[in-house]
All heavy atoms as atom14 arrays in JSON, in Angstrom:
{
  "sequence": "ESLPELTSWISRVMDESSFLYEIILVDDGSRDGSWEL",
  "atom14_mask": [
    [1, 1, 1, 1, 1, 1, 1, 1, 1, 0, 0, 0, 0, 0],
    [1, 1, 1, 1, 1, 1, 0, 0, 0, 0, 0, 0, 0, 0],
    [1, 1, 1, 1, 1, 1, 1, 1, 0, 0, 0, 0, 0, 0],
    [1, 1, 1, 1, 1, 1, 1, 0, 0, 0, 0, 0, 0, 0],
    [1, 1, 1, 1, 1, 1, 1, 1, 1, 0, 0, 0, 0, 0],
    [1, 1, 1, 1, 1, 1, 1, 1, 0, 0, 0, 0, 0, 0],
    [1, 1, 1, 1, 1, 1, 1, 0, 0, 0, 0, 0, 0, 0],
    [1, 1, 1, 1, 1, 1, 0, 0, 0, 0, 0, 0, 0, 0],
    [1, 1, 1, 1, 1, 1, 1, 1, 1, 1, 1, 1, 1, 1],
    [1, 1, 1, 1, 1, 1, 1, 1, 0, 0, 0, 0, 0, 0],
    [1, 1, 1, 1, 1, 1, 0, 0, 0, 0, 0, 0, 0, 0],
    [1, 1, 1, 1, 1, 1, 1, 1, 1, 1, 1, 0, 0, 0],
    [1, 1, 1, 1, 1, 1, 1, 0, 0, 0, 0, 0, 0, 0],
    [1, 1, 1, 1, 1, 1, 1, 1, 0, 0, 0, 0, 0, 0],
    [1, 1, 1, 1, 1, 1, 1, 1, 0, 0, 0, 0, 0, 0],
    [1, 1, 1, 1, 1, 1, 1, 1, 1, 0, 0, 0, 0, 0],
    [1, 1, 1, 1, 1, 1, 0, 0, 0, 0, 0, 0, 0, 0],
    [1, 1, 1, 1, 1, 1, 0, 0, 0, 0, 0, 0, 0, 0],
    [1, 1, 1, 1, 1, 1, 1, 1, 1, 1, 1, 0, 0, 0],
    [1, 1, 1, 1, 1, 1, 1, 1, 0, 0, 0, 0, 0, 0],
    [1, 1, 1, 1, 1, 1, 1, 1, 1, 1, 1, 1, 0, 0],
    [1, 1, 1, 1, 1, 1, 1, 1, 1, 0, 0, 0, 0, 0],
    [1, 1, 1, 1, 1, 1, 1, 1, 0, 0, 0, 0, 0, 0],
    [1, 1, 1, 1, 1, 1, 1, 1, 0, 0, 0, 0, 0, 0],
    [1, 1, 1, 1, 1, 1, 1, 1, 0, 0, 0, 0, 0, 0],
    [1, 1, 1, 1, 1, 1, 1, 0, 0, 0, 0, 0, 0, 0],
    [1, 1, 1, 1, 1, 1, 1, 1, 0, 0, 0, 0, 0, 0],
    [1, 1, 1, 1, 1, 1, 1, 1, 0, 0, 0, 0, 0, 0],
    [1, 1, 1, 1, 0, 0, 0, 0, 0, 0, 0, 0, 0, 0],
    [1, 1, 1, 1, 1, 1, 0, 0, 0, 0, 0, 0, 0, 0],
    [1, 1, 1, 1, 1, 1, 1, 1, 1, 1, 1, 0, 0, 0],
    [1, 1, 1, 1, 1, 1, 1, 1, 0, 0, 0, 0, 0, 0],
    [1, 1, 1, 1, 0, 0, 0, 0, 0, 0, 0, 0, 0, 0],
    [1, 1, 1, 1, 1, 1, 0, 0, 0, 0, 0, 0, 0, 0],
    [1, 1, 1, 1, 1, 1, 1, 1, 1, 1, 1, 1, 1, 1],
    [1, 1, 1, 1, 1, 1, 1, 1, 1, 0, 0, 0, 0, 0],
    [1, 1, 1, 1, 1, 1, 1, 1, 0, 0, 0, 0, 0, 0]
  ],
  "atom14_positions": [
    [[0.82, -1.22, 0.0], [0.0, 0.0, 0.0], [0.85, 1.27, 0.0], [0.46, 2.29, -0.58], [-0.94, 0.03, 1.22], [-1.92, -1.12, 1.29], [-1.41, -2.25, 2.17], [-0.19, -2.29, 2.43], [-2.23, -3.08, 2.6], [0.0, 0.0, 0.0], [0.0, 0.0, 0.0], [0.0, 0.0, 0.0], [0.0, 0.0, 0.0], [0.0, 0.0, 0.0]],
    [[2.01, 1.22, 0.66], [2.78, 2.45, 0.86], [3.84, 2.69, -0.22], [4.33, 3.82, -0.35], [3.46, 2.4, 2.23], [4.35, 1.31, 2.31], [0.0, 0.0, 0.0], [0.0, 0.0, 0.0], [0.0, 0.0, 0.0], [0.0, 0.0, 0.0], [0.0, 0.0, 0.0], [0.0, 0.0, 0.0], [0.0, 0.0, 0.0], [0.0, 0.0, 0.0]],
    [[4.21, 1.69, -0.99], [5.33, 1.84, -1.93], [5.1, 2.92, -2.99], [6.03, 3.69, -3.28], [5.64, 0.5, -2.59], [6.36, -0.52, -1.71], [6.56, -1.83, -2.46], [7.72, 0.03, -1.25], [0.0, 0.0, 0.0], [0.0, 0.0, 0.0], [0.0, 0.0, 0.0], [0.0, 0.0, 0.0], [0.0, 0.0, 0.0], [0.0, 0.0, 0.0]],
    [[3.93, 3.01, -3.64], [3.77, 4.07, -4.65], [3.98, 5.47, -4.09], [4.69, 6.29, -4.68], [2.32, 3.87, -5.13], [2.03, 2.44, -4.85], [2.75, 2.13, -3.58], [0.0, 0.0, 0.0], [0.0, 0.0, 0.0], [0.0, 0.0, 0.0], [0.0, 0.0, 0.0], [0.0, 0.0, 0.0], [0.0, 0.0, 0.0], [0.0, 0.0, 0.0]],
    [[3.39, 5.75, -2.93], [3.54, 7.08, -2.32], [4.98, 7.33, -1.88], [5.52, 8.42, -2.06], [2.59, 7.22, -1.14], [2.64, 8.59, -0.47], [1.63, 8.75, 0.64], [0.7, 7.91, 0.73], [1.78, 9.71, 1.44], [0.0, 0.0, 0.0], [0.0, 0.0, 0.0], [0.0, 0.0, 0.0], [0.0, 0.0, 0.0], [0.0, 0.0, 0.0]],
    [[5.62, 6.29, -1.31], [6.99, 6.44, -0.82], [7.96, 6.74, -1.96], [8.75, 7.69, -1.88], [7.43, 5.17, -0.08], [8.89, 5.17, 0.41], [9.09, 6.25, 1.47], [9.27, 3.79, 0.95], [0.0, 0.0, 0.0], [0.0, 0.0, 0.0], [0.0, 0.0, 0.0], [0.0, 0.0, 0.0], [0.0, 0.0, 0.0], [0.0, 0.0, 0.0]],
    [[7.91, 5.95, -3.01], [8.86, 6.16, -4.12], [8.61, 7.49, -4.82], [9.55, 8.17, -5.22], [8.77, 5.01, -5.13], [7.4, 4.84, -5.56], [9.25, 3.7, -4.52], [0.0, 0.0, 0.0], [0.0, 0.0, 0.0], [0.0, 0.0, 0.0], [0.0, 0.0, 0.0], [0.0, 0.0, 0.0], [0.0, 0.0, 0.0], [0.0, 0.0, 0.0]],
    [[7.34, 7.88, -4.94], [7.01, 9.17, -5.55], [7.53, 10.32, -4.69], [8.07, 11.31, -5.2], [5.5, 9.28, -5.73], [5.13, 10.56, -6.18], [0.0, 0.0, 0.0], [0.0, 0.0, 0.0], [0.0, 0.0, 0.0], [0.0, 0.0, 0.0], [0.0, 0.0, 0.0], [0.0, 0.0, 0.0], [0.0, 0.0, 0.0], [0.0, 0.0, 0.0]],
    [[7.39, 10.17, -3.39], [7.85, 11.2, -2.45], [9.37, 11.34, -2.5], [9.91, 12.45, -2.57], [7.38, 10.8, -1.05], [7.5, 11.87, 0.0], [8.07, 13.1, -0.13], [7.04, 11.78, 1.36], [8.01, 13.79, 1.06], [7.37, 13.0, 1.99], [6.38, 10.79, 2.09], [7.06, 13.24, 3.33], [6.07, 11.04, 3.42], [6.42, 12.25, 4.03]],
    [[10.07, 10.21, -2.5], [11.54, 10.26, -2.58], [11.99, 10.92, -3.87], [12.89, 11.79, -3.86], [12.12, 8.83, -2.48], [11.87, 8.24, -1.08], [13.62, 8.84, -2.77], [12.27, 6.78, -0.96], [0.0, 0.0, 0.0], [0.0, 0.0, 0.0], [0.0, 0.0, 0.0], [0.0, 0.0, 0.0], [0.0, 0.0, 0.0], [0.0, 0.0, 0.0]],
    [[11.38, 10.54, -4.98], [11.78, 11.1, -6.28], [11.53, 12.6, -6.33], [12.34, 13.36, -6.89], [11.01, 10.4, -7.4], [11.4, 9.04, -7.49], [0.0, 0.0, 0.0], [0.0, 0.0, 0.0], [0.0, 0.0, 0.0], [0.0, 0.0, 0.0], [0.0, 0.0, 0.0], [0.0, 0.0, 0.0], [0.0, 0.0, 0.0], [0.0, 0.0, 0.0]],
    [[10.43, 13.05, -5.75], [10.13, 14.5, -5.74], [11.2, 15.27, -4.98], [11.7, 16.3, -5.43], [8.76, 14.75, -5.14], [8.42, 16.23, -4.98], [7.02, 16.43, -4.42], [6.83, 15.79, -3.13], [7.25, 16.3, -1.98], [7.95, 17.44, -1.96], [7.01, 15.67, -0.85], [0.0, 0.0, 0.0], [0.0, 0.0, 0.0], [0.0, 0.0, 0.0]],
    [[11.58, 14.75, -3.81], [12.61, 15.41, -2.99], [13.95, 15.42, -3.73], [14.66, 16.44, -3.73], [12.75, 14.69, -1.63], [13.95, 15.22, -0.87], [11.48, 14.86, -0.81], [0.0, 0.0, 0.0], [0.0, 0.0, 0.0], [0.0, 0.0, 0.0], [0.0, 0.0, 0.0], [0.0, 0.0, 0.0], [0.0, 0.0, 0.0], [0.0, 0.0, 0.0]],
    [[14.29, 14.32, -4.37], [15.56, 14.23, -5.1], [15.6, 15.2, -6.28], [16.61, 15.87, -6.52], [15.78, 12.8, -5.6], [15.94, 11.78, -4.5], [17.42, 12.08, -3.51], [17.43, 10.6, -2.5], [0.0, 0.0, 0.0], [0.0, 0.0, 0.0], [0.0, 0.0, 0.0], [0.0, 0.0, 0.0], [0.0, 0.0, 0.0], [0.0, 0.0, 0.0]],
    [[14.5, 15.26, -7.01], [14.45, 16.15, -8.18], [14.53, 17.62, -7.77], [15.17, 18.43, -8.44], [13.17, 15.89, -8.97], [13.17, 14.53, -9.64], [14.28, 13.96, -9.81], [12.08, 14.02, -9.97], [0.0, 0.0, 0.0], [0.0, 0.0, 0.0], [0.0, 0.0, 0.0], [0.0, 0.0, 0.0], [0.0, 0.0, 0.0], [0.0, 0.0, 0.0]],
    [[13.88, 17.96, -6.65], [13.92, 19.35, -6.17], [15.33, 19.77, -5.79], [15.69, 20.95, -5.91], [12.98, 19.51, -4.96], [11.5, 19.44, -5.32], [10.61, 19.46, -4.09], [11.17, 19.41, -2.96], [9.37, 19.52, -4.25], [0.0, 0.0, 0.0], [0.0, 0.0, 0.0], [0.0, 0.0, 0.0], [0.0, 0.0, 0.0], [0.0, 0.0, 0.0]],
    [[16.15, 18.82, -5.33], [17.52, 19.13, -4.91], [18.55, 18.79, -5.99], [19.76, 18.94, -5.76], [17.86, 18.36, -3.63], [16.98, 18.72, -2.58], [0.0, 0.0, 0.0], [0.0, 0.0, 0.0], [0.0, 0.0, 0.0], [0.0, 0.0, 0.0], [0.0, 0.0, 0.0], [0.0, 0.0, 0.0], [0.0, 0.0, 0.0], [0.0, 0.0, 0.0]],
    [[18.07, 18.32, -7.14], [18.94, 17.98, -8.29], [19.98, 16.92, -7.92], [21.15, 17.0, -8.32], [19.63, 19.24, -8.82], [18.68, 20.19, -9.25], [0.0, 0.0, 0.0], [0.0, 0.0, 0.0], [0.0, 0.0, 0.0], [0.0, 0.0, 0.0], [0.0, 0.0, 0.0], [0.0, 0.0, 0.0], [0.0, 0.0, 0.0], [0.0, 0.0, 0.0]],
    [[19.55, 15.91, -7.17], [20.44, 14.81, -6.82], [20.41, 13.74, -7.89], [19.37, 13.47, -8.5], [20.03, 14.17, -5.49], [20.3, 15.01, -4.27], [19.32, 15.21, -3.3], [21.55, 15.59, -4.07], [19.57, 15.97, -2.17], [21.81, 16.36, -2.94], [20.81, 16.55, -1.99], [0.0, 0.0, 0.0], [0.0, 0.0, 0.0], [0.0, 0.0, 0.0]],
    [[21.56, 13.13, -8.14], [21.61, 11.9, -8.91], [21.5, 10.76, -7.9], [22.3, 10.68, -6.97], [22.91, 11.79, -9.7], [23.06, 10.55, -10.59], [21.98, 10.52, -11.65], [24.44, 10.53, -11.24], [0.0, 0.0, 0.0], [0.0, 0.0, 0.0], [0.0, 0.0, 0.0], [0.0, 0.0, 0.0], [0.0, 0.0, 0.0], [0.0, 0.0, 0.0]],
    [[20.52, 9.88, -8.08], [20.19, 8.96, -7.0], [19.72, 7.6, -7.53], [19.5, 7.4, -8.73], [19.1, 9.56, -6.13], [17.74, 9.66, -6.82], [16.76, 8.7, -6.59], [17.46, 10.7, -7.7], [15.53, 8.78, -7.23], [16.23, 10.79, -8.33], [15.26, 9.83, -8.09], [14.05, 9.91, -8.72], [0.0, 0.0, 0.0], [0.0, 0.0, 0.0]],
    [[19.56, 6.69, -6.59], [18.94, 5.4, -6.85], [18.11, 5.01, -5.64], [18.44, 5.37, -4.51], [20.0, 4.32, -7.13], [20.95, 4.06, -5.97], [22.01, 3.02, -6.28], [21.95, 2.42, -7.36], [22.91, 2.82, -5.42], [0.0, 0.0, 0.0], [0.0, 0.0, 0.0], [0.0, 0.0, 0.0], [0.0, 0.0, 0.0], [0.0, 0.0, 0.0]],
    [[17.02, 4.32, -5.87], [16.18, 3.79, -4.8], [16.27, 2.28, -4.86], [15.81, 1.66, -5.83], [14.71, 4.24, -4.94], [14.6, 5.76, -5.04], [13.88, 3.7, -3.78], [13.19, 6.25, -5.35], [0.0, 0.0, 0.0], [0.0, 0.0, 0.0], [0.0, 0.0, 0.0], [0.0, 0.0, 0.0], [0.0, 0.0, 0.0], [0.0, 0.0, 0.0]],
    [[16.89, 1.68, -3.84], [17.08, 0.23, -3.82], [16.03, -0.36, -2.89], [16.09, -0.2, -1.66], [18.49, -0.15, -3.34], [19.54, 0.5, -4.25], [18.67, -1.66, -3.31], [20.97, 0.3, -3.78], [0.0, 0.0, 0.0], [0.0, 0.0, 0.0], [0.0, 0.0, 0.0], [0.0, 0.0, 0.0], [0.0, 0.0, 0.0], [0.0, 0.0, 0.0]],
    [[15.05, -1.04, -3.47], [13.98, -1.68, -2.71], [14.32, -3.16, -2.54], [14.39, -3.9, -3.53], [12.64, -1.51, -3.42], [12.21, -0.07, -3.72], [10.94, -0.04, -4.54], [12.03, 0.72, -2.42], [0.0, 0.0, 0.0], [0.0, 0.0, 0.0], [0.0, 0.0, 0.0], [0.0, 0.0, 0.0], [0.0, 0.0, 0.0], [0.0, 0.0, 0.0]],
    [[14.55, -3.58, -1.32], [14.92, -4.97, -1.04], [13.69, -5.68, -0.5], [13.28, -5.45, 0.65], [16.08, -5.06, -0.04], [16.51, -6.52, 0.15], [17.27, -4.22, -0.5], [0.0, 0.0, 0.0], [0.0, 0.0, 0.0], [0.0, 0.0, 0.0], [0.0, 0.0, 0.0], [0.0, 0.0, 0.0], [0.0, 0.0, 0.0], [0.0, 0.0, 0.0]],
    [[13.09, -6.53, -1.33], [11.88, -7.26, -0.95], [12.27, -8.46, -0.1], [12.83, -9.44, -0.6], [11.13, -7.7, -2.21], [9.81, -8.37, -1.88], [9.53, -8.6, -0.69], [9.04, -8.68, -2.82], [0.0, 0.0, 0.0], [0.0, 0.0, 0.0], [0.0, 0.0, 0.0], [0.0, 0.0, 0.0], [0.0, 0.0, 0.0], [0.0, 0.0, 0.0]],
    [[11.95, -8.39, 1.18], [12.35, -9.41, 2.14], [11.3, -10.52, 2.24], [10.76, -10.79, 3.31], [12.59, -8.76, 3.5], [13.17, -9.72, 4.53], [13.79, -10.71, 4.12], [12.99, -9.47, 5.73], [0.0, 0.0, 0.0], [0.0, 0.0, 0.0], [0.0, 0.0, 0.0], [0.0, 0.0, 0.0], [0.0, 0.0, 0.0], [0.0, 0.0, 0.0]],
    [[11.01, -11.15, 1.09], [10.07, -12.28, 1.09], [8.62, -11.88, 1.26], [7.84, -12.61, 1.88], [0.0, 0.0, 0.0], [0.0, 0.0, 0.0], [0.0, 0.0, 0.0], [0.0, 0.0, 0.0], [0.0, 0.0, 0.0], [0.0, 0.0, 0.0], [0.0, 0.0, 0.0], [0.0, 0.0, 0.0], [0.0, 0.0, 0.0], [0.0, 0.0, 0.0]],
    [[8.22, -10.74, 0.69], [6.83, -10.3, 0.81], [5.88, -11.28, 0.12], [6.23, -11.91, -0.88], [6.66, -8.91, 0.18], [7.44, -7.95, 0.86], [0.0, 0.0, 0.0], [0.0, 0.0, 0.0], [0.0, 0.0, 0.0], [0.0, 0.0, 0.0], [0.0, 0.0, 0.0], [0.0, 0.0, 0.0], [0.0, 0.0, 0.0], [0.0, 0.0, 0.0]],
    [[4.66, -11.35, 0.65], [3.65, -12.25, 0.08], [2.4, -11.5, -0.38], [1.39, -12.13, -0.71], [3.25, -13.31, 1.12], [4.41, -14.21, 1.54], [3.95, -15.23, 2.56], [5.04, -16.11, 2.97], [4.92, -17.1, 3.85], [3.74, -17.32, 4.43], [5.96, -17.85, 4.18], [0.0, 0.0, 0.0], [0.0, 0.0, 0.0], [0.0, 0.0, 0.0]],
    [[2.46, -10.18, -0.36], [1.27, -9.4, -0.68], [1.33, -8.77, -2.07], [0.52, -7.91, -2.4], [1.08, -8.29, 0.36], [2.2, -7.26, 0.34], [3.26, -7.55, -0.27], [2.03, -6.16, 0.91], [0.0, 0.0, 0.0], [0.0, 0.0, 0.0], [0.0, 0.0, 0.0], [0.0, 0.0, 0.0], [0.0, 0.0, 0.0], [0.0, 0.0, 0.0]],
    [[2.3, -9.2, -2.88], [2.42, -8.63, -4.23], [3.34, -7.44, -4.31], [3.36, -6.73, -5.32], [0.0, 0.0, 0.0], [0.0, 0.0, 0.0], [0.0, 0.0, 0.0], [0.0, 0.0, 0.0], [0.0, 0.0, 0.0], [0.0, 0.0, 0.0], [0.0, 0.0, 0.0], [0.0, 0.0, 0.0], [0.0, 0.0, 0.0], [0.0, 0.0, 0.0]],
    [[4.14, -7.2, -3.26], [5.04, -6.05, -3.27], [6.04, -6.12, -4.42], [6.36, -5.1, -5.04], [5.8, -5.97, -1.93], [4.94, -5.63, -0.87], [0.0, 0.0, 0.0], [0.0, 0.0, 0.0], [0.0, 0.0, 0.0], [0.0, 0.0, 0.0], [0.0, 0.0, 0.0], [0.0, 0.0, 0.0], [0.0, 0.0, 0.0], [0.0, 0.0, 0.0]],
    [[6.56, -7.33, -4.71], [7.57, -7.44, -5.77], [6.96, -7.12, -7.14], [7.59, -6.44, -7.95], [8.19, -8.83, -5.79], [9.22, -8.98, -6.87], [9.13, -9.72, -8.01], [10.5, -8.32, -6.93], [10.26, -9.57, -8.78], [11.11, -8.72, -8.13], [11.16, -7.43, -6.08], [12.38, -8.27, -8.5], [12.41, -6.98, -6.45], [13.0, -7.41, -7.64]],
    [[5.76, -7.6, -7.39], [5.11, -7.3, -8.65], [4.9, -5.79, -8.8], [5.06, -5.23, -9.9], [3.76, -8.03, -8.73], [3.88, -9.54, -8.91], [4.33, -10.26, -7.65], [4.22, -9.67, -6.55], [4.79, -11.41, -7.76], [0.0, 0.0, 0.0], [0.0, 0.0, 0.0], [0.0, 0.0, 0.0], [0.0, 0.0, 0.0], [0.0, 0.0, 0.0]],
    [[4.58, -5.13, -7.69], [4.41, -3.68, -7.73], [5.75, -2.99, -7.99], [5.82, -2.01, -8.75], [3.81, -3.19, -6.41], [3.66, -1.67, -6.28], [2.75, -1.12, -7.36], [3.12, -1.3, -4.89], [0.0, 0.0, 0.0], [0.0, 0.0, 0.0], [0.0, 0.0, 0.0], [0.0, 0.0, 0.0], [0.0, 0.0, 0.0], [0.0, 0.0, 0.0]]
  ]
}
């Protein structure tokens, strides 16, 4: 539920500060479809 808002929020902050960045999402065995998302 939270991943779309979180990644969008991080990207907005990074773009406002002109950072070159990466978001590394480590799926620790989720069963709710997090990896597909």
